Amino acid sequence: MSAFGVALPWSLPLTLVIYGVVVAAALWIYRDAKARGSRYAALWALSTLVFTILPVLAYLYLHRDAGPAP
């Protein structure tokens, strides 16, 4: 793969996919927290962007009994 005539490492597409998944998870958590009326929706999303998997697991654990957002 090359961009502007410069060869890119094979791991770049994989890295972009991983970052895309993290951003999608942050957006999902933000929207879900907003739908539930959380005052900390932006904090959940920001922590997901910074710490990746730990906030996702914590969010899922803390909201496991709440059911789907209205």
Protein backbone atom coordinates (compact mmCIF):
# COMPACT_ATOMS: atom_id res chain seq x y z
CA MET A 1 0.00 0.00 0.00
CA SER A 2 1.33 3.44 -0.78
CA ALA A 3 0.17 6.99 -0.32
CA PHE A 4 1.67 9.78 -2.39
CA GLY A 5 4.41 7.43 -3.60
CA VAL A 6 5.55 6.54 -0.07
CA ALA A 7 5.30 2.91 0.99
CA LEU A 8 3.18 2.46 4.10
CA PRO A 9 3.68 -0.36 6.58
CA TRP A 10 1.16 -3.19 6.43
CA SER A 11 0.07 -2.43 9.98
CA LEU A 12 -1.32 1.01 9.13
CA PRO A 13 -4.68 -0.29 7.83
CA LEU A 14 -5.02 -2.51 10.89
CA THR A 15 -4.25 0.42 13.17
CA LEU A 16 -6.87 2.56 11.43
CA VAL A 17 -9.47 -0.19 11.82
CA ILE A 18 -8.70 -0.52 15.53
CA TYR A 19 -8.98 3.25 16.04
CA GLY A 20 -12.24 3.21 14.09
CA VAL A 21 -13.66 0.55 16.41
CA VAL A 22 -12.62 2.56 19.48
CA VAL A 23 -14.24 5.73 18.11
CA ALA A 24 -17.41 3.79 17.24
CA ALA A 25 -17.53 2.36 20.77
CA ALA A 26 -17.10 5.85 22.26
CA LEU A 27 -19.93 7.20 20.11
CA TRP A 28 -22.18 4.28 21.05
CA ILE A 29 -21.49 4.76 24.77
CA TYR A 30 -22.08 8.51 24.48
CA ARG A 31 -25.42 8.09 22.71
CA ASP A 32 -26.56 5.34 25.06
CA ALA A 33 -25.60 7.31 28.16
CA LYS A 34 -27.39 10.41 26.80
CA ALA A 35 -30.51 8.34 26.08
CA ARG A 36 -30.45 7.11 29.68
CA GLY A 37 -30.16 10.68 30.94
CA SER A 38 -26.63 10.40 32.30
CA ARG A 39 -24.87 13.64 33.19
CA TYR A 40 -21.54 11.92 32.51
CA ALA A 41 -22.09 10.85 28.90
CA ALA A 42 -19.20 12.96 27.60
CA LEU A 43 -16.92 11.65 30.35
CA TRP A 44 -17.78 8.06 29.44
CA ALA A 45 -16.98 8.75 25.78
CA LEU A 46 -13.75 10.57 26.56
CA SER A 47 -12.57 7.84 28.91
CA THR A 48 -13.32 5.28 26.19
CA LEU A 49 -11.14 7.19 23.74
CA VAL A 50 -8.28 7.39 26.24
CA PHE A 51 -8.41 4.02 28.00
CA THR A 52 -10.17 1.96 25.26
CA ILE A 53 -11.47 -1.33 26.67
CA LEU A 54 -11.69 -0.67 30.43
CA PRO A 55 -14.44 1.98 30.27
CA VAL A 56 -16.42 -0.15 27.81
CA LEU A 57 -16.34 -3.11 30.20
CA ALA A 58 -17.18 -0.87 33.18
CA TYR A 59 -20.11 0.73 31.32
CA LEU A 60 -21.51 -2.62 30.27
CA TYR A 61 -21.14 -3.97 33.81
CA LEU A 62 -22.75 -0.96 35.49
CA HIS A 63 -25.71 -0.89 33.10
CA ARG A 64 -26.27 -4.64 32.76
CA ASP A 65 -29.60 -4.61 34.60
CA ALA A 66 -30.97 -1.43 33.04
CA GLY A 67 -32.08 -3.05 29.78
CA PRO A 68 -32.25 -1.20 26.48
CA ALA A 69 -32.30 2.58 26.48
CA PRO A 70 -35.71 4.14 25.78
